[in-house]
Amino acid sequence: QVQLVESGGGLVQPGGSLTLSCQASGSILSAYNMGWYRQAPGKQRELLAVITSVGNTNYADSVKGRFTISRDNAKNTMYLRMNSLKPEDTAVYYCNRAESWFSVPVSGWGPGAQVTVSS
């Protein structure tokens, strides 16, 4: 079973930038549509960005123009570059398959990466 591990989280000031990484144990990233999700305290997990198996990208309105999803197939790694961070971006960030904007996978979740945006 492929495992996904997120890293790169931390504390950043409003307006700052951060890059998250998602390391896959197998070649899942180029075989499926993959996405970055986040879950803030008391809120549902939401899909933020998708990169398809052929490399097309799409974003939720809340992060469009600020976040960039990408992947390196050779390294089995997916990235999320986050710019112009806001306090409301504070959440635990996860990577996983992304086949729909209206539901989240029931399995395959990694530990997540905590991102805190605060001055």
PDB file of N, CA and C in Angstrom:
ATOM      1  N   GLN A   1       0.844  -1.183   0.000  1.00  0.00           N
ATOM      2  CA  GLN A   1       0.000   0.000   0.000  1.00  0.00           C
ATOM      3  C   GLN A   1       0.890   1.248   0.000  1.00  0.00           C
ATOM      4  N   VAL A   2       0.560   2.177  -0.893  1.00  0.00           N
ATOM      5  CA  VAL A   2       1.336   3.403  -0.993  1.00  0.00           C
ATOM      6  C   VAL A   2       1.102   4.263   0.237  1.00  0.00           C
ATOM      7  N   GLN A   3       2.179   4.808   0.769  1.00  0.00           N
ATOM      8  CA  GLN A   3       2.085   5.705   1.908  1.00  0.00           C
ATOM      9  C   GLN A   3       2.462   7.123   1.479  1.00  0.00           C
ATOM     10  N   LEU A   4       1.778   8.088   2.050  1.00  0.00           N
ATOM     11  CA  LEU A   4       2.022   9.492   1.768  1.00  0.00           C
ATOM     12  C   LEU A   4       2.452  10.176   3.050  1.00  0.00           C
ATOM     13  N   VAL A   5       3.518  10.970   2.979  1.00  0.00           N
ATOM     14  CA  VAL A   5       4.021  11.671   4.152  1.00  0.00           C
ATOM     15  C   VAL A   5       4.241  13.136   3.794  1.00  0.00           C
ATOM     16  N   GLU A   6       3.567  14.000   4.534  1.00  0.00           N
ATOM     17  CA  GLU A   6       3.681  15.430   4.306  1.00  0.00           C
ATOM     18  C   GLU A   6       4.777  16.022   5.182  1.00  0.00           C
ATOM     19  N   SER A   7       5.411  17.067   4.682  1.00  0.00           N
ATOM     20  CA  SER A   7       6.432  17.769   5.460  1.00  0.00           C
ATOM     21  C   SER A   7       6.515  19.220   4.994  1.00  0.00           C
ATOM     22  N   GLY A   8       7.232  20.033   5.777  1.00  0.00           N
ATOM     23  CA  GLY A   8       7.456  21.415   5.391  1.00  0.00           C
ATOM     24  C   GLY A   8       6.584  22.430   6.102  1.00  0.00           C
ATOM     25  N   GLY A   9       5.728  21.963   6.996  1.00  0.00           N
ATOM     26  CA  GLY A   9       4.877  22.890   7.721  1.00  0.00           C
ATOM     27  C   GLY A   9       5.667  23.709   8.732  1.00  0.00           C
ATOM     28  N   GLY A  10       4.991  24.677   9.327  1.00  0.00           N
ATOM     29  CA  GLY A  10       5.650  25.495  10.331  1.00  0.00           C
ATOM     30  C   GLY A  10       4.876  26.753  10.640  1.00  0.00           C
ATOM     31  N   LEU A  11       5.521  27.649  11.348  1.00  0.00           N
ATOM     32  CA  LEU A  11       4.933  28.933  11.720  1.00  0.00           C
ATOM     33  C   LEU A  11       5.452  29.999  10.765  1.00  0.00           C
ATOM     34  N   VAL A  12       4.543  30.775  10.197  1.00  0.00           N
ATOM     35  CA  VAL A  12       4.927  31.823   9.254  1.00  0.00           C
ATOM     36  C   VAL A  12       4.071  33.049   9.515  1.00  0.00           C
ATOM     37  N   GLN A  13       4.641  34.214   9.269  1.00  0.00           N
ATOM     38  CA  GLN A  13       3.904  35.455   9.465  1.00  0.00           C
ATOM     39  C   GLN A  13       2.941  35.702   8.313  1.00  0.00           C
ATOM     40  N   PRO A  14       1.876  36.434   8.567  1.00  0.00           N
ATOM     41  CA  PRO A  14       0.964  36.801   7.468  1.00  0.00           C
ATOM     42  C   PRO A  14       1.725  37.470   6.325  1.00  0.00           C
ATOM     43  N   GLY A  15       1.387  37.074   5.113  1.00  0.00           N
ATOM     44  CA  GLY A  15       2.087  37.575   3.936  1.00  0.00           C
ATOM     45  C   GLY A  15       3.288  36.754   3.547  1.00  0.00           C
ATOM     46  N   GLY A  16       3.667  35.814   4.393  1.00  0.00           N
ATOM     47  CA  GLY A  16       4.827  34.978   4.121  1.00  0.00           C
ATOM     48  C   GLY A  16       4.533  33.817   3.199  1.00  0.00           C
ATOM     49  N   SER A  17       5.567  33.005   2.974  1.00  0.00           N
ATOM     50  CA  SER A  17       5.467  31.879   2.061  1.00  0.00           C
ATOM     51  C   SER A  17       5.974  30.608   2.711  1.00  0.00           C
ATOM     52  N   LEU A  18       5.512  29.484   2.181  1.00  0.00           N
ATOM     53  CA  LEU A  18       5.907  28.176   2.691  1.00  0.00           C
ATOM     54  C   LEU A  18       5.711  27.176   1.562  1.00  0.00           C
ATOM     55  N   THR A  19       6.558  26.170   1.526  1.00  0.00           N
ATOM     56  CA  THR A  19       6.398  25.094   0.550  1.00  0.00           C
ATOM     57  C   THR A  19       6.270  23.763   1.270  1.00  0.00           C
ATOM     58  N   LEU A  20       5.172  23.076   1.021  1.00  0.00           N
ATOM     59  CA  LEU A  20       4.943  21.752   1.571  1.00  0.00           C
ATOM     60  C   LEU A  20       5.360  20.685   0.572  1.00  0.00           C
ATOM     61  N   SER A  21       5.790  19.549   1.097  1.00  0.00           N
ATOM     62  CA  SER A  21       6.152  18.404   0.258  1.00  0.00           C
ATOM     63  C   SER A  21       5.310  17.202   0.653  1.00  0.00           C
ATOM     64  N   CYS A  22       5.036  16.374  -0.321  1.00  0.00           N
ATOM     65  CA  CYS A  22       4.311  15.125  -0.110  1.00  0.00           C
ATOM     66  C   CYS A  22       5.131  14.009  -0.742  1.00  0.00           C
ATOM     67  N   GLN A  23       5.726  13.186   0.094  1.00  0.00           N
ATOM     68  CA  GLN A  23       6.571  12.087  -0.391  1.00  0.00           C
ATOM     69  C   GLN A  23       5.737  10.828  -0.458  1.00  0.00           C
ATOM     70  N   ALA A  24       5.705  10.214  -1.641  1.00  0.00           N
ATOM     71  CA  ALA A  24       4.964   8.965  -1.829  1.00  0.00           C
ATOM     72  C   ALA A  24       5.936   7.791  -1.846  1.00  0.00           C
ATOM     73  N   SER A  25       5.476   6.675  -1.276  1.00  0.00           N
ATOM     74  CA  SER A  25       6.342   5.501  -1.216  1.00  0.00           C
ATOM     75  C   SER A  25       6.379   4.743  -2.522  1.00  0.00           C
ATOM     76  N   GLY A  26       5.430   5.037  -3.425  1.00  0.00           N
ATOM     77  CA  GLY A  26       5.386   4.387  -4.725  1.00  0.00           C
ATOM     78  C   GLY A  26       5.039   5.386  -5.798  1.00  0.00           C
ATOM     79  N   SER A  27       4.843   4.910  -7.019  1.00  0.00           N
ATOM     80  CA  SER A  27       4.591   5.804  -8.157  1.00  0.00           C
ATOM     81  C   SER A  27       3.119   6.127  -8.308  1.00  0.00           C
ATOM     82  N   ILE A  28       2.525   6.661  -7.240  1.00  0.00           N
ATOM     83  CA  ILE A  28       1.106   6.996  -7.271  1.00  0.00           C
ATOM     84  C   ILE A  28       0.868   8.379  -7.860  1.00  0.00           C
ATOM     85  N   LEU A  29       1.840   9.262  -7.698  1.00  0.00           N
ATOM     86  CA  LEU A  29       1.597  10.671  -7.997  1.00  0.00           C
ATOM     87  C   LEU A  29       1.293  10.916  -9.474  1.00  0.00           C
ATOM     88  N   SER A  30       1.934  10.169 -10.357  1.00  0.00           N
ATOM     89  CA  SER A  30       1.707  10.378 -11.784  1.00  0.00           C
ATOM     90  C   SER A  30       0.631   9.454 -12.345  1.00  0.00           C
ATOM     91  N   ALA A  31       0.173   8.519 -11.527  1.00  0.00           N
ATOM     92  CA  ALA A  31      -0.831   7.565 -12.001  1.00  0.00           C
ATOM     93  C   ALA A  31      -2.258   8.040 -11.748  1.00  0.00           C
ATOM     94  N   TYR A  32      -2.426   8.919 -10.777  1.00  0.00           N
ATOM     95  CA  TYR A  32      -3.762   9.362 -10.385  1.00  0.00           C
ATOM     96  C   TYR A  32      -3.824  10.888 -10.300  1.00  0.00           C
ATOM     97  N   ASN A  33      -5.035  11.394 -10.274  1.00  0.00           N
ATOM     98  CA  ASN A  33      -5.218  12.796  -9.913  1.00  0.00           C
ATOM     99  C   ASN A  33      -4.911  12.925  -8.424  1.00  0.00           C
ATOM    100  N   MET A  34      -4.043  13.865  -8.076  1.00  0.00           N
ATOM    101  CA  MET A  34      -3.621  14.040  -6.693  1.00  0.00           C
ATOM    102  C   MET A  34      -3.948  15.446  -6.223  1.00  0.00           C
ATOM    103  N   GLY A  35      -4.133  15.579  -4.914  1.00  0.00           N
ATOM    104  CA  GLY A  35      -4.509  16.887  -4.405  1.00  0.00           C
ATOM    105  C   GLY A  35      -3.931  17.197  -3.048  1.00  0.00           C
ATOM    106  N   TRP A  36      -3.976  18.468  -2.736  1.00  0.00           N
ATOM    107  CA  TRP A  36      -3.657  18.950  -1.391  1.00  0.00           C
ATOM    108  C   TRP A  36      -4.953  19.359  -0.708  1.00  0.00           C
ATOM    109  N   TYR A  37      -5.087  18.937   0.532  1.00  0.00           N
ATOM    110  CA  TYR A  37      -6.249  19.231   1.352  1.00  0.00           C
ATOM    111  C   TYR A  37      -5.778  19.960   2.618  1.00  0.00           C
ATOM    112  N   ARG A  38      -6.720  20.551   3.313  1.00  0.00           N
ATOM    113  CA  ARG A  38      -6.428  21.080   4.639  1.00  0.00           C
ATOM    114  C   ARG A  38      -7.645  20.940   5.530  1.00  0.00           C
ATOM    115  N   GLN A  39      -7.356  20.887   6.823  1.00  0.00           N
ATOM    116  CA  GLN A  39      -8.430  20.822   7.813  1.00  0.00           C
ATOM    117  C   GLN A  39      -8.088  21.749   8.957  1.00  0.00           C
ATOM    118  N   ALA A  40      -8.913  22.763   9.128  1.00  0.00           N
ATOM    119  CA  ALA A  40      -8.762  23.690  10.243  1.00  0.00           C
ATOM    120  C   ALA A  40      -9.577  23.170  11.429  1.00  0.00           C
ATOM    121  N   PRO A  41      -9.218  23.588  12.636  1.00  0.00           N
ATOM    122  CA  PRO A  41      -9.960  23.127  13.822  1.00  0.00           C
ATOM    123  C   PRO A  41     -11.451  23.410  13.693  1.00  0.00           C
ATOM    124  N   GLY A  42     -12.256  22.379  13.942  1.00  0.00           N
ATOM    125  CA  GLY A  42     -13.694  22.540  13.893  1.00  0.00           C
ATOM    126  C   GLY A  42     -14.302  22.595  12.512  1.00  0.00           C
ATOM    127  N   LYS A  43     -13.486  22.400  11.484  1.00  0.00           N
ATOM    128  CA  LYS A  43     -13.989  22.476  10.114  1.00  0.00           C
ATOM    129  C   LYS A  43     -13.749  21.160   9.384  1.00  0.00           C
ATOM    130  N   GLN A  44     -14.475  20.983   8.302  1.00  0.00           N
ATOM    131  CA  GLN A  44     -14.307  19.784   7.488  1.00  0.00           C
ATOM    132  C   GLN A  44     -13.036  19.888   6.652  1.00  0.00           C
ATOM    133  N   ARG A  45     -12.508  18.745   6.290  1.00  0.00           N
ATOM    134  CA  ARG A  45     -11.347  18.708   5.419  1.00  0.00           C
ATOM    135  C   ARG A  45     -11.774  19.173   4.030  1.00  0.00           C
ATOM    136  N   GLU A  46     -10.990  20.077   3.444  1.00  0.00           N
ATOM    137  CA  GLU A  46     -11.353  20.632   2.152  1.00  0.00           C
ATOM    138  C   GLU A  46     -10.215  20.452   1.146  1.00  0.00           C
ATOM    139  N   LEU A  47     -10.625  20.266  -0.103  1.00  0.00           N
ATOM    140  CA  LEU A  47      -9.661  20.126  -1.193  1.00  0.00           C
ATOM    141  C   LEU A  47      -9.268  21.509  -1.689  1.00  0.00           C
ATOM    142  N   LEU A  48      -7.956  21.734  -1.828  1.00  0.00           N
ATOM    143  CA  LEU A  48      -7.454  23.051  -2.217  1.00  0.00           C
ATOM    144  C   LEU A  48      -6.934  23.087  -3.646  1.00  0.00           C
ATOM    145  N   ALA A  49      -6.224  22.061  -4.033  1.00  0.00           N
ATOM    146  CA  ALA A  49      -5.537  22.085  -5.319  1.00  0.00           C
ATOM    147  C   ALA A  49      -5.420  20.666  -5.853  1.00  0.00           C
ATOM    148  N   VAL A  50      -5.548  20.543  -7.151  1.00  0.00           N
ATOM    149  CA  VAL A  50      -5.478  19.243  -7.818  1.00  0.00           C
ATOM    150  C   VAL A  50      -4.469  19.306  -8.956  1.00  0.00           C
ATOM    151  N   ILE A  51      -3.687  18.244  -9.105  1.00  0.00           N
ATOM    152  CA  ILE A  51      -2.852  18.062 -10.284  1.00  0.00           C
ATOM    153  C   ILE A  51      -3.230  16.715 -10.882  1.00  0.00           C
ATOM    154  N   THR A  52      -3.629  16.730 -12.140  1.00  0.00           N
ATOM    155  CA  THR A  52      -4.096  15.494 -12.764  1.00  0.00           C
ATOM    156  C   THR A  52      -2.925  14.619 -13.167  1.00  0.00           C
ATOM    157  N   SER A  53      -3.248  13.412 -13.584  1.00  0.00           N
ATOM    158  CA  SER A  53      -2.213  12.465 -13.987  1.00  0.00           C
ATOM    159  C   SER A  53      -1.421  12.975 -15.191  1.00  0.00           C
ATOM    160  N   VAL A  54      -2.020  13.887 -15.967  1.00  0.00           N
ATOM    161  CA  VAL A  54      -1.304  14.443 -17.111  1.00  0.00           C
ATOM    162  C   VAL A  54      -0.745  15.828 -16.842  1.00  0.00           C
ATOM    163  N   GLY A  55      -0.876  16.284 -15.598  1.00  0.00           N
ATOM    164  CA  GLY A  55      -0.227  17.527 -15.208  1.00  0.00           C
ATOM    165  C   GLY A  55      -1.068  18.780 -15.224  1.00  0.00           C
ATOM    166  N   ASN A  56      -2.358  18.666 -15.519  1.00  0.00           N
ATOM    167  CA  ASN A  56      -3.218  19.845 -15.436  1.00  0.00           C
ATOM    168  C   ASN A  56      -3.492  20.179 -13.978  1.00  0.00           C
ATOM    169  N   THR A  57      -3.671  21.462 -13.685  1.00  0.00           N
ATOM    170  CA  THR A  57      -3.893  21.893 -12.312  1.00  0.00           C
ATOM    171  C   THR A  57      -5.186  22.679 -12.181  1.00  0.00           C
ATOM    172  N   ASN A  58      -5.754  22.636 -10.994  1.00  0.00           N
ATOM    173  CA  ASN A  58      -6.972  23.379 -10.696  1.00  0.00           C
ATOM    174  C   ASN A  58      -6.961  23.703  -9.211  1.00  0.00           C
ATOM    175  N   TYR A  59      -7.615  24.831  -8.855  1.00  0.00           N
ATOM    176  CA  TYR A  59      -7.528  25.327  -7.493  1.00  0.00           C
ATOM    177  C   TYR A  59      -8.891  25.756  -6.965  1.00  0.00           C
ATOM    178  N   ALA A  60      -9.053  25.648  -5.663  1.00  0.00           N
ATOM    179  CA  ALA A  60     -10.213  26.222  -4.997  1.00  0.00           C
ATOM    180  C   ALA A  60     -10.085  27.743  -5.037  1.00  0.00           C
ATOM    181  N   ASP A  61     -11.214  28.416  -5.047  1.00  0.00           N
ATOM    182  CA  ASP A  61     -11.204  29.874  -5.126  1.00  0.00           C
ATOM    183  C   ASP A  61     -10.427  30.503  -3.973  1.00  0.00           C
ATOM    184  N   SER A  62     -10.448  29.858  -2.818  1.00  0.00           N
ATOM    185  CA  SER A  62      -9.820  30.424  -1.626  1.00  0.00           C
ATOM    186  C   SER A  62      -8.302  30.515  -1.736  1.00  0.00           C
ATOM    187  N   VAL A  63      -7.705  29.739  -2.642  1.00  0.00           N
ATOM    188  CA  VAL A  63      -6.247  29.734  -2.752  1.00  0.00           C
ATOM    189  C   VAL A  63      -5.764  30.072  -4.155  1.00  0.00           C
ATOM    190  N   LYS A  64      -6.675  30.248  -5.084  1.00  0.00           N
ATOM    191  CA  LYS A  64      -6.300  30.524  -6.475  1.00  0.00           C
ATOM    192  C   LYS A  64      -5.478  31.795  -6.545  1.00  0.00           C
ATOM    193  N   GLY A  65      -4.358  31.738  -7.240  1.00  0.00           N
ATOM    194  CA  GLY A  65      -3.474  32.895  -7.371  1.00  0.00           C
ATOM    195  C   GLY A  65      -2.449  32.997  -6.267  1.00  0.00           C
ATOM    196  N   ARG A  66      -2.622  32.238  -5.196  1.00  0.00           N
ATOM    197  CA  ARG A  66      -1.669  32.267  -4.075  1.00  0.00           C
ATOM    198  C   ARG A  66      -0.908  30.954  -3.927  1.00  0.00           C
ATOM    199  N   PHE A  67      -1.569  29.831  -4.199  1.00  0.00           N
ATOM    200  CA  PHE A  67      -0.972  28.512  -4.035  1.00  0.00           C
ATOM    201  C   PHE A  67      -0.677  27.898  -5.400  1.00  0.00           C
ATOM    202  N   THR A  68       0.397  27.114  -5.464  1.00  0.00           N
ATOM    203  CA  THR A  68       0.767  26.419  -6.689  1.00  0.00           C
ATOM    204  C   THR A  68       1.090  24.965  -6.378  1.00  0.00           C
ATOM    205  N   ILE A  69       0.419  24.064  -7.064  1.00  0.00           N
ATOM    206  CA  ILE A  69       0.667  22.634  -6.895  1.00  0.00           C
ATOM    207  C   ILE A  69       1.580  22.156  -8.024  1.00  0.00           C
ATOM    208  N   SER A  70       2.497  21.272  -7.679  1.00  0.00           N
ATOM    209  CA  SER A  70       3.402  20.720  -8.686  1.00  0.00           C
ATOM    210  C   SER A  70       3.885  19.360  -8.212  1.00  0.00           C
ATOM    211  N   ARG A  71       4.573  18.649  -9.086  1.00  0.00           N
ATOM    212  CA  ARG A  71       5.110  17.352  -8.675  1.00  0.00           C
ATOM    213  C   ARG A  71       6.381  17.052  -9.455  1.00  0.00           C
ATOM    214  N   ASP A  72       7.198  16.202  -8.851  1.00  0.00           N
ATOM    215  CA  ASP A  72       8.420  15.689  -9.479  1.00  0.00           C
ATOM    216  C   ASP A  72       8.280  14.174  -9.532  1.00  0.00           C
ATOM    217  N   ASN A  73       7.947  13.664 -10.703  1.00  0.00           N
ATOM    218  CA  ASN A  73       7.683  12.221 -10.820  1.00  0.00           C
ATOM    219  C   ASN A  73       8.909  11.388 -10.469  1.00  0.00           C
ATOM    220  N   ALA A  74      10.075  11.871 -10.833  1.00  0.00           N
ATOM    221  CA  ALA A  74      11.305  11.119 -10.564  1.00  0.00           C
ATOM    222  C   ALA A  74      11.550  10.956  -9.069  1.00  0.00           C
ATOM    223  N   LYS A  75      11.108  11.932  -8.298  1.00  0.00           N
ATOM    224  CA  LYS A  75      11.300  11.895  -6.845  1.00  0.00           C
ATOM    225  C   LYS A  75      10.072  11.394  -6.101  1.00  0.00           C
ATOM    226  N   ASN A  76       8.997  11.054  -6.853  1.00  0.00           N
ATOM    227  CA  ASN A  76       7.741  10.634  -6.218  1.00  0.00           C
ATOM    228  C   ASN A  76       7.296  11.652  -5.168  1.00  0.00           C
ATOM    229  N   THR A  77       7.435  12.922  -5.495  1.00  0.00           N
ATOM    230  CA  THR A  77       7.143  13.991  -4.549  1.00  0.00           C
ATOM    231  C   THR A  77       6.230  15.025  -5.188  1.00  0.00           C
ATOM    232  N   MET A  78       5.260  15.476  -4.426  1.00  0.00           N
ATOM    233  CA  MET A  78       4.351  16.537  -4.839  1.00  0.00           C
ATOM    234  C   MET A  78       4.567  17.721  -3.913  1.00  0.00           C
ATOM    235  N   TYR A  79       4.354  18.918  -4.441  1.00  0.00           N
ATOM    236  CA  TYR A  79       4.619  20.124  -3.664  1.00  0.00           C
ATOM    237  C   TYR A  79       3.401  21.035  -3.650  1.00  0.00           C
ATOM    238  N   LEU A  80       3.356  21.889  -2.625  1.00  0.00           N
ATOM    239  CA  LEU A  80       2.382  22.963  -2.589  1.00  0.00           C
ATOM    240  C   LEU A  80       3.121  24.224  -2.156  1.00  0.00           C
ATOM    241  N   ARG A  81       3.308  25.131  -3.099  1.00  0.00           N
ATOM    242  CA  ARG A  81       3.923  26.408  -2.805  1.00  0.00           C
ATOM    243  C   ARG A  81       2.818  27.370  -2.387  1.00  0.00           C
ATOM    244  N   MET A  82       2.956  27.940  -1.190  1.00  0.00           N
ATOM    245  CA  MET A  82       1.942  28.817  -0.638  1.00  0.00           C
ATOM    246  C   MET A  82       2.524  30.210  -0.439  1.00  0.00           C
ATOM    247  N   ASN A  83       1.969  31.168  -1.130  1.00  0.00           N
ATOM    248  CA  ASN A  83       2.387  32.563  -1.015  1.00  0.00           C
ATOM    249  C   ASN A  83       1.274  33.403  -0.408  1.00  0.00           C
ATOM    250  N   SER A  84       1.642  34.601   0.036  1.00  0.00           N
ATOM    251  CA  SER A  84       0.663  35.549   0.592  1.00  0.00           C
ATOM    252  C   SER A  84      -0.230  34.883   1.630  1.00  0.00           C
ATOM    253  N   LEU A  85       0.383  34.179   2.541  1.00  0.00           N
ATOM    254  CA  LEU A  85      -0.384  33.412   3.529  1.00  0.00           C
ATOM    255  C   LEU A  85      -1.175  34.323   4.460  1.00  0.00           C
ATOM    256  N   LYS A  86      -2.344  33.843   4.844  1.00  0.00           N
ATOM    257  CA  LYS A  86      -3.260  34.577   5.711  1.00  0.00           C
ATOM    258  C   LYS A  86      -3.512  33.762   6.981  1.00  0.00           C
ATOM    259  N   PRO A  87      -3.905  34.413   8.052  1.00  0.00           N
ATOM    260  CA  PRO A  87      -4.222  33.649   9.276  1.00  0.00           C
ATOM    261  C   PRO A  87      -5.265  32.554   9.039  1.00  0.00           C
ATOM    262  N   GLU A  88      -6.194  32.792   8.138  1.00  0.00           N
ATOM    263  CA  GLU A  88      -7.225  31.777   7.853  1.00  0.00           C
ATOM    264  C   GLU A  88      -6.690  30.572   7.084  1.00  0.00           C
ATOM    265  N   ASP A  89      -5.423  30.624   6.669  1.00  0.00           N
ATOM    266  CA  ASP A  89      -4.790  29.458   6.059  1.00  0.00           C
ATOM    267  C   ASP A  89      -4.256  28.482   7.108  1.00  0.00           C
ATOM    268  N   THR A  90      -4.330  28.868   8.366  1.00  0.00           N
ATOM    269  CA  THR A  90      -3.870  27.995   9.443  1.00  0.00           C
ATOM    270  C   THR A  90      -4.696  26.716   9.472  1.00  0.00           C
ATOM    271  N   ALA A  91      -3.999  25.581   9.387  1.00  0.00           N
ATOM    272  CA  ALA A  91      -4.674  24.282   9.308  1.00  0.00           C
ATOM    273  C   ALA A  91      -3.614  23.187   9.256  1.00  0.00           C
ATOM    274  N   VAL A  92      -4.075  21.954   9.318  1.00  0.00           N
ATOM    275  CA  VAL A  92      -3.225  20.806   9.012  1.00  0.00           C
ATOM    276  C   VAL A  92      -3.428  20.478   7.539  1.00  0.00           C
ATOM    277  N   TYR A  93      -2.340  20.366   6.811  1.00  0.00           N
ATOM    278  CA  TYR A  93      -2.376  20.139   5.373  1.00  0.00           C
ATOM    279  C   TYR A  93      -2.019  18.695   5.053  1.00  0.00           C
ATOM    280  N   TYR A  94      -2.788  18.106   4.136  1.00  0.00           N
ATOM    281  CA  TYR A  94      -2.629  16.706   3.752  1.00  0.00           C
ATOM    282  C   TYR A  94      -2.568  16.584   2.234  1.00  0.00           C
ATOM    283  N   CYS A  95      -1.952  15.499   1.775  1.00  0.00           N
ATOM    284  CA  CYS A  95      -2.016  15.139   0.366  1.00  0.00           C
ATOM    285  C   CYS A  95      -2.710  13.787   0.235  1.00  0.00           C
ATOM    286  N   ASN A  96      -3.356  13.581  -0.887  1.00  0.00           N
ATOM    287  CA  ASN A  96      -4.056  12.321  -1.138  1.00  0.00           C
ATOM    288  C   ASN A  96      -4.578  12.339  -2.564  1.00  0.00           C
ATOM    289  N   ARG A  97      -5.142  11.242  -2.988  1.00  0.00           N
ATOM    290  CA  ARG A  97      -5.795  11.204  -4.285  1.00  0.00           C
ATOM    291  C   ARG A  97      -6.949  12.204  -4.299  1.00  0.00           C
ATOM    292  N   ALA A  98      -7.272  12.693  -5.481  1.00  0.00           N
ATOM    293  CA  ALA A  98      -8.324  13.703  -5.610  1.00  0.00           C
ATOM    294  C   ALA A  98      -9.120  13.425  -6.869  1.00  0.00           C
ATOM    295  N   GLU A  99     -10.157  12.624  -6.732  1.00  0.00           N
ATOM    296  CA  GLU A  99     -10.982  12.265  -7.881  1.00  0.00           C
ATOM    297  C   GLU A  99     -12.256  13.105  -7.961  1.00  0.00           C
ATOM    298  N   SER A 100     -12.552  13.857  -6.907  1.00  0.00           N
ATOM    299  CA  SER A 100     -13.767  14.669  -6.899  1.00  0.00           C
ATOM    300  C   SER A 100     -13.563  15.877  -6.002  1.00  0.00           C
ATOM    301  N   TRP A 101     -14.162  17.024  -6.395  1.00  0.00           N
ATOM    302  CA  TRP A 101     -14.147  18.213  -5.554  1.00  0.00           C
ATOM    303  C   TRP A 101     -15.228  18.137  -4.479  1.00  0.00           C
ATOM    304  N   PHE A 102     -16.084  17.098  -4.530  1.00  0.00           N
ATOM    305  CA  PHE A 102     -17.239  17.052  -3.636  1.00  0.00           C
ATOM    306  C   PHE A 102     -17.151  15.968  -2.572  1.00  0.00           C
ATOM    307  N   SER A 103     -16.037  15.243  -2.544  1.00  0.00           N
ATOM    308  CA  SER A 103     -15.865  14.231  -1.506  1.00  0.00           C
ATOM    309  C   SER A 103     -14.378  14.047  -1.267  1.00  0.00           C
ATOM    310  N   VAL A 104     -14.047  13.481  -0.108  1.00  0.00           N
ATOM    311  CA  VAL A 104     -12.649  13.224   0.219  1.00  0.00           C
ATOM    312  C   VAL A 104     -12.426  11.731   0.334  1.00  0.00           C
ATOM    313  N   PRO A 105     -11.219  11.265   0.067  1.00  0.00           N
ATOM    314  CA  PRO A 105     -10.946   9.826   0.196  1.00  0.00           C
ATOM    315  C   PRO A 105     -11.185   9.347   1.628  1.00  0.00           C
ATOM    316  N   VAL A 106     -11.569   8.094   1.750  1.00  0.00           N
ATOM    317  CA  VAL A 106     -11.810   7.543   3.083  1.00  0.00           C
ATOM    318  C   VAL A 106     -10.555   6.922   3.663  1.00  0.00           C
ATOM    319  N   SER A 107      -9.512   6.764   2.862  1.00  0.00           N
ATOM    320  CA  SER A 107      -8.292   6.138   3.357  1.00  0.00           C
ATOM    321  C   SER A 107      -7.079   6.769   2.675  1.00  0.00           C
ATOM    322  N   GLY A 108      -5.921   6.321   3.093  1.00  0.00           N
ATOM    323  CA  GLY A 108      -4.688   6.761   2.449  1.00  0.00           C
ATOM    324  C   GLY A 108      -4.102   8.035   3.017  1.00  0.00           C
ATOM    325  N   TRP A 109      -4.628   8.501   4.125  1.00  0.00           N
ATOM    326  CA  TRP A 109      -4.159   9.772   4.689  1.00  0.00           C
ATOM    327  C   TRP A 109      -2.843   9.602   5.441  1.00  0.00           C
ATOM    328  N   GLY A 110      -1.984  10.587   5.291  1.00  0.00           N
ATOM    329  CA  GLY A 110      -0.748  10.635   6.040  1.00  0.00           C
ATOM    330  C   GLY A 110      -0.941  11.427   7.317  1.00  0.00           C
ATOM    331  N   PRO A 111       0.160  11.737   7.992  1.00  0.00           N
ATOM    332  CA  PRO A 111       0.060  12.439   9.275  1.00  0.00           C
ATOM    333  C   PRO A 111      -0.287  13.912   9.148  1.00  0.00           C
ATOM    334  N   GLY A 112      -0.070  14.495   7.965  1.00  0.00           N
ATOM    335  CA  GLY A 112      -0.352  15.903   7.760  1.00  0.00           C
ATOM    336  C   GLY A 112       0.790  16.796   8.208  1.00  0.00           C
ATOM    337  N   ALA A 113       0.730  18.052   7.781  1.00  0.00           N
ATOM    338  CA  ALA A 113       1.736  19.045   8.158  1.00  0.00           C
ATOM    339  C   ALA A 113       1.012  20.272   8.700  1.00  0.00           C
ATOM    340  N   GLN A 114       1.360  20.654   9.911  1.00  0.00           N
ATOM    341  CA  GLN A 114       0.707  21.802  10.535  1.00  0.00           C
ATOM    342  C   GLN A 114       1.284  23.095   9.969  1.00  0.00           C
ATOM    343  N   VAL A 115       0.390  23.969   9.512  1.00  0.00           N
ATOM    344  CA  VAL A 115       0.770  25.298   9.052  1.00  0.00           C
ATOM    345  C   VAL A 115       0.056  26.306   9.938  1.00  0.00           C
ATOM    346  N   THR A 116       0.823  27.175  10.559  1.00  0.00           N
ATOM    347  CA  THR A 116       0.258  28.216  11.412  1.00  0.00           C
ATOM    348  C   THR A 116       0.695  29.573  10.888  1.00  0.00           C
ATOM    349  N   VAL A 117      -0.277  30.412  10.573  1.00  0.00           N
ATOM    350  CA  VAL A 117      -0.004  31.751  10.060  1.00  0.00           C
ATOM    351  C   VAL A 117      -0.395  32.748  11.140  1.00  0.00           C
ATOM    352  N   SER A 118       0.616  33.359  11.737  1.00  0.00           N
ATOM    353  CA  SER A 118       0.363  34.245  12.861  1.00  0.00           C
ATOM    354  C   SER A 118       1.531  35.206  13.035  1.00  0.00           C
ATOM    355  N   SER A 119       1.217  36.402  13.504  1.00  0.00           N
ATOM    356  CA  SER A 119       2.267  37.365  13.797  1.00  0.00           C
ATOM    357  C   SER A 119       2.685  37.285  15.267  1.00  0.00           C
TER     358      SER A 119
END
